Amino acid sequence: MTNLYRYYKGETECPFDRKDAEGDMLSTFWHIEHQYANAMTEDTSFQNRWEMETQEYIQRCNEEGEHNEITDIGRPLRLRALRYYVMLNLEKYRPLNANWIRIY
């Protein structure tokens, strides 16, 4: 599953320096992926629940005619579920930086 992550590679400490804007963004991505990976380890149903949540989000988007990388059927659902998780975390904990999802 480590191929699932772009920033978290199994480290125990974040390798990104938060002293500049790019480091802050990369560190944020690393921490969200780390949290997701830990939750998957601790709860075997975590991934399935997020895939179901993602499918519900995709259905809502399809009904509204909205298309984005999460609704892209060319991507595996597990990747779209992680992206959805990242998006929601940014919206909740870093609302001023929610647009970072475009970079992720």
Protein backbone atom coordinates (compact mmCIF):
# COMPACT_ATOMS: atom_id res chain seq x y z
CA MET A 1 0.00 0.00 0.00
CA THR A 2 2.98 2.36 0.25
CA ASN A 3 2.53 3.12 -3.48
CA LEU A 4 -0.71 4.75 -2.41
CA TYR A 5 1.17 7.64 -0.82
CA ARG A 6 3.08 10.45 -2.50
CA TYR A 7 4.67 11.99 0.60
CA TYR A 8 4.51 9.47 3.43
CA LYS A 9 7.03 6.68 2.90
CA GLY A 10 6.82 4.95 6.28
CA GLU A 11 8.95 7.44 8.21
CA THR A 12 8.31 8.00 11.90
CA GLU A 13 9.11 11.71 11.59
CA CYS A 14 8.15 14.14 8.85
CA PRO A 15 11.07 14.74 6.46
CA PHE A 16 9.72 18.09 5.23
CA ASP A 17 10.84 21.37 6.74
CA ARG A 18 8.00 23.79 7.54
CA LYS A 19 10.11 26.93 7.36
CA ASP A 20 8.74 28.02 4.00
CA ALA A 21 5.38 27.82 2.23
CA GLU A 22 6.30 24.78 0.11
CA GLY A 23 7.66 22.92 3.14
CA ASP A 24 4.50 23.70 5.07
CA MET A 25 2.36 22.30 2.25
CA LEU A 26 4.47 19.14 1.84
CA SER A 27 4.52 18.63 5.59
CA THR A 28 0.74 18.95 5.69
CA PHE A 29 0.37 16.34 2.94
CA TRP A 30 2.81 14.04 4.76
CA HIS A 31 0.89 14.33 8.05
CA ILE A 32 -2.47 13.64 6.41
CA GLU A 33 -1.09 10.57 4.59
CA HIS A 34 0.59 9.40 7.80
CA GLN A 35 -2.71 9.72 9.65
CA TYR A 36 -4.50 7.78 6.88
CA ALA A 37 -1.88 5.01 6.90
CA ASN A 38 -2.05 4.67 10.69
CA ALA A 39 -5.84 4.54 10.62
CA MET A 40 -5.70 1.77 8.00
CA THR A 41 -3.31 -0.19 10.22
CA GLU A 42 -5.45 0.23 13.33
CA ASP A 43 -8.85 -0.34 11.68
CA THR A 44 -9.21 -2.92 8.92
CA SER A 45 -12.50 -1.41 7.74
CA PHE A 46 -11.09 2.13 7.45
CA GLN A 47 -10.22 1.87 3.73
CA ASN A 48 -13.60 0.32 2.89
CA ARG A 49 -15.46 3.08 4.73
CA TRP A 50 -13.51 5.78 2.89
CA GLU A 51 -14.11 4.08 -0.44
CA MET A 52 -17.85 4.06 0.32
CA GLU A 53 -17.75 7.74 1.38
CA THR A 54 -15.88 8.53 -1.84
CA GLN A 55 -18.43 6.69 -3.96
CA GLU A 56 -21.21 8.72 -2.32
CA TYR A 57 -19.26 11.93 -3.06
CA ILE A 58 -18.76 10.83 -6.68
CA GLN A 59 -22.48 10.13 -7.03
CA ARG A 60 -23.34 13.61 -5.69
CA CYS A 61 -20.83 15.18 -8.09
CA ASN A 62 -22.22 13.22 -11.03
CA GLU A 63 -25.75 14.33 -10.19
CA GLU A 64 -24.54 17.95 -10.12
CA GLY A 65 -22.45 17.59 -13.28
CA GLU A 66 -19.22 18.27 -11.41
CA HIS A 67 -16.02 16.55 -12.55
CA ASN A 68 -12.65 16.51 -10.80
CA GLU A 69 -9.80 14.11 -10.08
CA ILE A 70 -11.85 12.28 -7.46
CA THR A 71 -14.65 11.59 -9.95
CA ASP A 72 -12.17 10.45 -12.64
CA ILE A 73 -13.04 6.78 -13.28
CA GLY A 74 -9.61 6.28 -14.84
CA ARG A 75 -8.06 6.32 -11.37
CA PRO A 76 -8.30 3.44 -8.89
CA LEU A 77 -10.92 3.97 -6.19
CA ARG A 78 -8.33 3.56 -3.41
CA LEU A 79 -6.40 6.57 -4.77
CA ARG A 80 -9.56 8.61 -5.13
CA ALA A 81 -10.53 7.73 -1.55
CA LEU A 82 -7.19 8.99 -0.26
CA ARG A 83 -7.52 12.19 -2.31
CA TYR A 84 -11.04 12.71 -0.91
CA TYR A 85 -9.66 12.22 2.62
CA VAL A 86 -6.91 14.77 1.94
CA MET A 87 -9.44 17.23 0.50
CA LEU A 88 -11.73 16.97 3.54
CA ASN A 89 -8.82 17.34 5.96
CA LEU A 90 -7.61 20.46 4.17
CA GLU A 91 -11.11 21.92 4.21
CA LYS A 92 -11.53 21.21 7.91
CA TYR A 93 -8.09 21.93 9.37
CA ARG A 94 -6.49 24.22 6.75
CA PRO A 95 -9.44 26.02 5.13
CA LEU A 96 -7.26 28.88 3.92
CA ASN A 97 -5.13 26.31 2.11
CA ALA A 98 -7.93 24.07 0.80
CA ASN A 99 -6.82 24.89 -2.75
CA TRP A 100 -3.69 22.79 -2.12
CA ILE A 101 -5.80 19.81 -3.22
CA ARG A 102 -5.11 20.94 -6.80
CA ILE A 103 -1.41 20.39 -6.19
CA TYR A 104 -1.85 17.12 -4.35
